[in-house]
């Protein structure tokens, strides 16, 4: 796993967002960021379907987009 994605994983764990709502560099449901080697993929996965797939060559741009998606989700961020 790229160091940037490891740092993101730690940040997400500390954020209080339920870990079952996202996946970092692994298959999962919810918001996903995945290192496909030539590109970084960001999408929303639900029941095996991928929606809003975006690809990035810059890992930091991909992380920024992933965080925008997760932290703008009002259901996940209820206080």
C-alpha atoms as a PDB file:
ATOM      1  CA  UNK A   1       0.000   0.000   0.000  1.00  0.00           C
ATOM      2  CA  UNK A   2       1.285   3.452  -0.897  1.00  0.00           C
ATOM      3  CA  UNK A   3       2.370   5.534   2.104  1.00  0.00           C
ATOM      4  CA  UNK A   4      -0.229   8.177   1.225  1.00  0.00           C
ATOM      5  CA  UNK A   5      -3.021   5.599   1.406  1.00  0.00           C
ATOM      6  CA  UNK A   6      -1.666   4.259   4.709  1.00  0.00           C
ATOM      7  CA  UNK A   7      -1.789   7.798   6.106  1.00  0.00           C
ATOM      8  CA  UNK A   8      -5.334   8.202   4.776  1.00  0.00           C
ATOM      9  CA  UNK A   9      -6.363   4.954   6.448  1.00  0.00           C
ATOM     10  CA  UNK A  10      -5.065   6.200   9.792  1.00  0.00           C
ATOM     11  CA  UNK A  11      -6.791   9.570   9.317  1.00  0.00           C
ATOM     12  CA  UNK A  12     -10.092   7.878   8.515  1.00  0.00           C
ATOM     13  CA  UNK A  13      -9.828   5.633  11.579  1.00  0.00           C
ATOM     14  CA  UNK A  14      -9.317   8.730  13.739  1.00  0.00           C
ATOM     15  CA  UNK A  15     -12.178  10.639  12.066  1.00  0.00           C
ATOM     16  CA  UNK A  16     -14.945   8.599  13.664  1.00  0.00           C
ATOM     17  CA  UNK A  17     -16.490   7.594  10.322  1.00  0.00           C
ATOM     18  CA  UNK A  18     -17.733   4.004  10.487  1.00  0.00           C
ATOM     19  CA  UNK A  19     -15.073   1.790   8.895  1.00  0.00           C
ATOM     20  CA  UNK A  20     -17.779  -0.196   7.089  1.00  0.00           C
ATOM     21  CA  UNK A  21     -18.736   2.895   5.038  1.00  0.00           C
ATOM     22  CA  UNK A  22     -15.472   3.057   3.107  1.00  0.00           C
ATOM     23  CA  UNK A  23     -12.642   0.924   1.755  1.00  0.00           C
ATOM     24  CA  UNK A  24      -9.022   1.927   1.244  1.00  0.00           C
ATOM     25  CA  UNK A  25      -7.016  -0.171  -1.226  1.00  0.00           C
ATOM     26  CA  UNK A  26      -9.301  -3.188  -0.821  1.00  0.00           C
ATOM     27  CA  UNK A  27     -12.679  -4.405  -2.017  1.00  0.00           C
ATOM     28  CA  UNK A  28     -15.590  -3.056  -0.052  1.00  0.00           C
ATOM     29  CA  UNK A  29     -18.921  -1.296   0.021  1.00  0.00           C
ATOM     30  CA  UNK A  30     -19.409   2.443   0.222  1.00  0.00           C
ATOM     31  CA  UNK A  31     -16.773   4.993  -0.693  1.00  0.00           C
ATOM     32  CA  UNK A  32     -13.681   3.354  -2.160  1.00  0.00           C
ATOM     33  CA  UNK A  33     -10.183   4.397  -3.093  1.00  0.00           C
ATOM     34  CA  UNK A  34      -8.029   1.781  -4.796  1.00  0.00           C
ATOM     35  CA  UNK A  35      -4.489   1.730  -6.123  1.00  0.00           C
ATOM     36  CA  UNK A  36      -4.817   0.135  -9.567  1.00  0.00           C
ATOM     37  CA  UNK A  37      -1.061   0.697 -10.058  1.00  0.00           C
ATOM     38  CA  UNK A  38      -1.240   2.875 -13.168  1.00  0.00           C
ATOM     39  CA  UNK A  39      -4.038   5.018 -11.707  1.00  0.00           C
ATOM     40  CA  UNK A  40      -5.824   5.559  -8.411  1.00  0.00           C
ATOM     41  CA  UNK A  41      -9.546   4.815  -8.626  1.00  0.00           C
ATOM     42  CA  UNK A  42     -12.180   6.540  -6.507  1.00  0.00           C
ATOM     43  CA  UNK A  43     -15.794   5.391  -6.602  1.00  0.00           C
ATOM     44  CA  UNK A  44     -18.884   4.431  -4.662  1.00  0.00           C
ATOM     45  CA  UNK A  45     -19.490   0.700  -4.517  1.00  0.00           C
ATOM     46  CA  UNK A  46     -22.831  -0.847  -3.700  1.00  0.00           C
ATOM     47  CA  UNK A  47     -23.766  -4.511  -4.018  1.00  0.00           C
ATOM     48  CA  UNK A  48     -20.942  -5.183  -6.432  1.00  0.00           C
ATOM     49  CA  UNK A  49     -21.695  -2.203  -8.672  1.00  0.00           C
ATOM     50  CA  UNK A  50     -19.344   0.748  -8.984  1.00  0.00           C
ATOM     51  CA  UNK A  51     -20.735   4.255  -9.402  1.00  0.00           C
ATOM     52  CA  UNK A  52     -19.096   7.619 -10.067  1.00  0.00           C
ATOM     53  CA  UNK A  53     -15.784   5.992 -10.977  1.00  0.00           C
ATOM     54  CA  UNK A  54     -13.009   8.553 -11.286  1.00  0.00           C
ATOM     55  CA  UNK A  55      -9.378   7.827 -12.082  1.00  0.00           C
ATOM     56  CA  UNK A  56      -6.351   9.868 -11.062  1.00  0.00           C
ATOM     57  CA  UNK A  57      -2.662   9.682 -11.850  1.00  0.00           C
ATOM     58  CA  UNK A  58      -1.890  11.875  -8.820  1.00  0.00           C
ATOM     59  CA  UNK A  59      -2.480  10.023  -5.541  1.00  0.00           C
ATOM     60  CA  UNK A  60      -2.959  13.277  -3.613  1.00  0.00           C
ATOM     61  CA  UNK A  61      -5.688  14.442  -5.999  1.00  0.00           C
ATOM     62  CA  UNK A  62      -7.420  11.084  -5.593  1.00  0.00           C
ATOM     63  CA  UNK A  63      -7.225  11.317  -1.803  1.00  0.00           C
ATOM     64  CA  UNK A  64      -8.614  14.848  -1.914  1.00  0.00           C
ATOM     65  CA  UNK A  65     -11.597  13.679  -3.996  1.00  0.00           C
ATOM     66  CA  UNK A  66     -12.185  10.643  -1.761  1.00  0.00           C
ATOM     67  CA  UNK A  67     -12.240  12.852   1.346  1.00  0.00           C
ATOM     68  CA  UNK A  68     -14.581  15.348  -0.334  1.00  0.00           C
ATOM     69  CA  UNK A  69     -17.010  12.529  -1.069  1.00  0.00           C
ATOM     70  CA  UNK A  70     -16.872  10.985   2.399  1.00  0.00           C
ATOM     71  CA  UNK A  71     -16.941  14.173   4.442  1.00  0.00           C
ATOM     72  CA  UNK A  72     -19.713  15.765   2.386  1.00  0.00           C
ATOM     73  CA  UNK A  73     -22.031  12.805   3.040  1.00  0.00           C
ATOM     74  CA  UNK A  74     -24.492  14.239   5.569  1.00  0.00           C
ATOM     75  CA  UNK A  75     -25.652  10.799   6.702  1.00  0.00           C
ATOM     76  CA  UNK A  76     -22.124   9.746   7.681  1.00  0.00           C
ATOM     77  CA  UNK A  77     -21.351  13.054   9.368  1.00  0.00           C
ATOM     78  CA  UNK A  78     -24.329  13.431  11.695  1.00  0.00           C
ATOM     79  CA  UNK A  79     -23.264  14.664  15.102  1.00  0.00           C
END
